[in-house]
Amino acid sequence: MSTELVRNEWGAVVRHPDLDLLELQWFDSTASMTDGGFMATLCLFAQEAEKARPTRLLIDATRFRHRLGDGVLAW
């Protein structure tokens, strides 16, 4: 059974124990997200991954709408 661990306005971190998988699900609200929101959400995902220590990580970007600003990928 999957469990949502944490969420913010941009996405949710979901644990799938049967797959030993932690997933970040982006929301459609990312269309109005800032680069700061992007970075904060990835940090949230990283914190949960450090706690859960799954063997698999997945970022579902099918609903990701944000356009990254200059320098964000270098971050």
N, C-alpha and C. Protein backbone atom coordinates (compact mmCIF):
# COMPACT_ATOMS: atom_id res chain seq x y z
N MET A 1 0.83 -1.18 0.00
CA MET A 1 0.00 0.00 0.00
C MET A 1 0.88 1.25 0.00
N SER A 2 0.62 2.16 -0.91
CA SER A 2 1.38 3.40 -1.02
C SER A 2 0.93 4.40 0.04
N THR A 3 1.90 5.19 0.50
CA THR A 3 1.63 6.18 1.54
C THR A 3 2.24 7.52 1.14
N GLU A 4 1.42 8.57 1.20
CA GLU A 4 1.95 9.91 0.97
C GLU A 4 2.64 10.36 2.25
N LEU A 5 3.92 10.71 2.14
CA LEU A 5 4.70 11.10 3.30
C LEU A 5 4.61 12.58 3.59
N VAL A 6 4.69 13.38 2.53
CA VAL A 6 4.72 14.83 2.69
C VAL A 6 4.32 15.46 1.35
N ARG A 7 3.81 16.67 1.42
CA ARG A 7 3.46 17.40 0.19
C ARG A 7 3.63 18.89 0.42
N ASN A 8 3.76 19.60 -0.67
CA ASN A 8 3.66 21.05 -0.66
C ASN A 8 2.76 21.42 -1.84
N GLU A 9 2.68 22.68 -2.17
CA GLU A 9 1.76 23.06 -3.25
C GLU A 9 2.22 22.59 -4.63
N TRP A 10 3.43 22.13 -4.75
CA TRP A 10 3.98 21.75 -6.06
C TRP A 10 4.04 20.25 -6.29
N GLY A 11 4.08 19.45 -5.22
CA GLY A 11 4.20 18.01 -5.41
C GLY A 11 4.05 17.24 -4.12
N ALA A 12 4.08 15.92 -4.25
CA ALA A 12 3.95 15.03 -3.10
C ALA A 12 5.01 13.94 -3.18
N VAL A 13 5.49 13.54 -2.03
CA VAL A 13 6.43 12.42 -1.92
C VAL A 13 5.65 11.21 -1.43
N VAL A 14 5.69 10.16 -2.22
CA VAL A 14 4.91 8.96 -1.94
C VAL A 14 5.84 7.77 -1.79
N ARG A 15 5.60 6.98 -0.75
CA ARG A 15 6.40 5.77 -0.52
C ARG A 15 5.61 4.55 -0.98
N HIS A 16 6.27 3.71 -1.78
CA HIS A 16 5.70 2.45 -2.26
C HIS A 16 6.53 1.32 -1.65
N PRO A 17 6.19 0.87 -0.44
CA PRO A 17 7.03 -0.11 0.26
C PRO A 17 7.15 -1.45 -0.47
N ASP A 18 6.12 -1.84 -1.20
CA ASP A 18 6.18 -3.12 -1.91
C ASP A 18 7.24 -3.11 -3.01
N LEU A 19 7.58 -1.92 -3.50
CA LEU A 19 8.60 -1.77 -4.54
C LEU A 19 9.91 -1.20 -3.98
N ASP A 20 9.93 -0.89 -2.68
CA ASP A 20 11.05 -0.19 -2.04
C ASP A 20 11.41 1.04 -2.85
N LEU A 21 10.37 1.83 -3.15
CA LEU A 21 10.46 2.98 -4.05
C LEU A 21 9.92 4.22 -3.37
N LEU A 22 10.61 5.34 -3.57
CA LEU A 22 10.13 6.64 -3.14
C LEU A 22 9.90 7.47 -4.40
N GLU A 23 8.73 8.07 -4.50
CA GLU A 23 8.33 8.78 -5.72
C GLU A 23 8.01 10.24 -5.41
N LEU A 24 8.48 11.13 -6.27
CA LEU A 24 8.06 12.52 -6.24
C LEU A 24 7.05 12.69 -7.36
N GLN A 25 5.84 13.08 -7.00
CA GLN A 25 4.79 13.33 -7.99
C GLN A 25 4.59 14.84 -8.09
N TRP A 26 4.95 15.41 -9.23
CA TRP A 26 4.73 16.83 -9.46
C TRP A 26 3.26 17.08 -9.75
N PHE A 27 2.77 18.26 -9.39
CA PHE A 27 1.38 18.65 -9.63
C PHE A 27 1.30 19.64 -10.80
N ASP A 28 0.11 19.79 -11.37
CA ASP A 28 -0.11 20.77 -12.44
C ASP A 28 0.19 22.19 -11.97
N SER A 29 0.12 22.44 -10.69
CA SER A 29 0.40 23.77 -10.14
C SER A 29 1.83 24.23 -10.41
N THR A 30 2.69 23.33 -10.87
CA THR A 30 4.07 23.72 -11.19
C THR A 30 4.11 24.72 -12.34
N ALA A 31 3.00 24.90 -13.04
CA ALA A 31 2.95 25.91 -14.11
C ALA A 31 3.22 27.31 -13.56
N SER A 32 2.89 27.55 -12.29
CA SER A 32 3.12 28.87 -11.69
C SER A 32 4.22 28.83 -10.62
N MET A 33 4.97 27.76 -10.58
CA MET A 33 6.02 27.58 -9.58
C MET A 33 7.24 28.44 -9.94
N THR A 34 7.94 28.91 -8.93
CA THR A 34 9.20 29.62 -9.12
C THR A 34 10.36 28.63 -9.08
N ASP A 35 11.53 29.11 -9.46
CA ASP A 35 12.72 28.26 -9.33
C ASP A 35 12.97 27.90 -7.86
N GLY A 36 12.66 28.83 -6.96
CA GLY A 36 12.79 28.55 -5.53
C GLY A 36 11.86 27.42 -5.09
N GLY A 37 10.65 27.39 -5.63
CA GLY A 37 9.71 26.32 -5.33
C GLY A 37 10.21 24.98 -5.85
N PHE A 38 10.82 25.02 -7.02
CA PHE A 38 11.41 23.81 -7.61
C PHE A 38 12.50 23.25 -6.70
N MET A 39 13.40 24.13 -6.29
CA MET A 39 14.51 23.70 -5.44
C MET A 39 14.02 23.22 -4.08
N ALA A 40 13.04 23.91 -3.51
CA ALA A 40 12.50 23.51 -2.21
C ALA A 40 11.85 22.13 -2.28
N THR A 41 11.15 21.86 -3.36
CA THR A 41 10.48 20.57 -3.51
C THR A 41 11.49 19.44 -3.69
N LEU A 42 12.54 19.70 -4.46
CA LEU A 42 13.58 18.67 -4.61
C LEU A 42 14.30 18.43 -3.28
N CYS A 43 14.49 19.48 -2.50
CA CYS A 43 15.11 19.30 -1.17
C CYS A 43 14.21 18.47 -0.26
N LEU A 44 12.90 18.70 -0.35
CA LEU A 44 11.94 17.91 0.41
C LEU A 44 12.04 16.44 0.03
N PHE A 45 12.12 16.17 -1.26
CA PHE A 45 12.26 14.80 -1.75
C PHE A 45 13.56 14.17 -1.24
N ALA A 46 14.65 14.94 -1.30
CA ALA A 46 15.95 14.43 -0.84
C ALA A 46 15.92 14.12 0.65
N GLN A 47 15.28 14.98 1.45
CA GLN A 47 15.18 14.73 2.90
C GLN A 47 14.43 13.44 3.19
N GLU A 48 13.33 13.23 2.48
CA GLU A 48 12.55 12.01 2.69
C GLU A 48 13.32 10.77 2.22
N ALA A 49 14.08 10.92 1.15
CA ALA A 49 14.90 9.81 0.66
C ALA A 49 15.98 9.44 1.67
N GLU A 50 16.58 10.44 2.31
CA GLU A 50 17.59 10.17 3.32
C GLU A 50 16.99 9.43 4.52
N LYS A 51 15.76 9.77 4.88
CA LYS A 51 15.09 9.09 6.00
C LYS A 51 14.68 7.66 5.64
N ALA A 52 14.09 7.49 4.46
CA ALA A 52 13.52 6.20 4.07
C ALA A 52 14.56 5.22 3.53
N ARG A 53 15.61 5.75 2.91
CA ARG A 53 16.67 4.91 2.32
C ARG A 53 16.13 3.82 1.38
N PRO A 54 15.27 4.19 0.41
CA PRO A 54 14.75 3.19 -0.51
C PRO A 54 15.83 2.78 -1.51
N THR A 55 15.64 1.64 -2.14
CA THR A 55 16.58 1.21 -3.19
C THR A 55 16.27 1.86 -4.53
N ARG A 56 15.07 2.44 -4.64
CA ARG A 56 14.65 3.07 -5.90
C ARG A 56 14.06 4.45 -5.64
N LEU A 57 14.37 5.38 -6.54
CA LEU A 57 13.78 6.72 -6.52
C LEU A 57 13.16 6.99 -7.88
N LEU A 58 12.02 7.68 -7.89
CA LEU A 58 11.34 8.01 -9.14
C LEU A 58 10.80 9.42 -9.04
N ILE A 59 11.05 10.21 -10.07
CA ILE A 59 10.43 11.53 -10.18
C ILE A 59 9.51 11.48 -11.39
N ASP A 60 8.21 11.56 -11.10
CA ASP A 60 7.20 11.53 -12.16
C ASP A 60 6.99 12.95 -12.67
N ALA A 61 7.51 13.23 -13.83
CA ALA A 61 7.45 14.58 -14.40
C ALA A 61 6.34 14.74 -15.44
N THR A 62 5.40 13.81 -15.50
CA THR A 62 4.36 13.89 -16.52
C THR A 62 3.46 15.11 -16.34
N ARG A 63 3.35 15.64 -15.12
CA ARG A 63 2.52 16.82 -14.87
C ARG A 63 3.36 18.06 -14.55
N PHE A 64 4.68 17.96 -14.75
CA PHE A 64 5.60 19.07 -14.46
C PHE A 64 5.47 20.13 -15.54
N ARG A 65 5.18 21.37 -15.15
CA ARG A 65 4.93 22.45 -16.12
C ARG A 65 5.91 23.62 -16.01
N HIS A 66 6.76 23.63 -15.00
CA HIS A 66 7.67 24.75 -14.77
C HIS A 66 8.77 24.80 -15.83
N ARG A 67 9.14 26.01 -16.19
CA ARG A 67 10.29 26.22 -17.08
C ARG A 67 11.43 26.74 -16.21
N LEU A 68 12.51 25.96 -16.16
CA LEU A 68 13.64 26.30 -15.30
C LEU A 68 14.35 27.56 -15.77
N GLY A 69 14.74 28.40 -14.82
CA GLY A 69 15.48 29.62 -15.13
C GLY A 69 16.96 29.33 -15.34
N ASP A 70 17.65 30.36 -15.77
CA ASP A 70 19.10 30.25 -16.00
C ASP A 70 19.81 29.86 -14.71
N GLY A 71 20.70 28.91 -14.82
CA GLY A 71 21.53 28.50 -13.70
C GLY A 71 20.92 27.48 -12.76
N VAL A 72 19.64 27.16 -12.91
CA VAL A 72 19.00 26.23 -11.99
C VAL A 72 19.59 24.82 -12.13
N LEU A 73 19.84 24.38 -13.33
CA LEU A 73 20.40 23.04 -13.51
C LEU A 73 21.79 22.93 -12.92
N ALA A 74 22.53 24.02 -12.88
CA ALA A 74 23.86 24.00 -12.27
C ALA A 74 23.75 23.81 -10.76
N TRP A 75 22.64 24.23 -10.19
CA TRP A 75 22.39 24.08 -8.76
C TRP A 75 22.38 22.62 -8.41
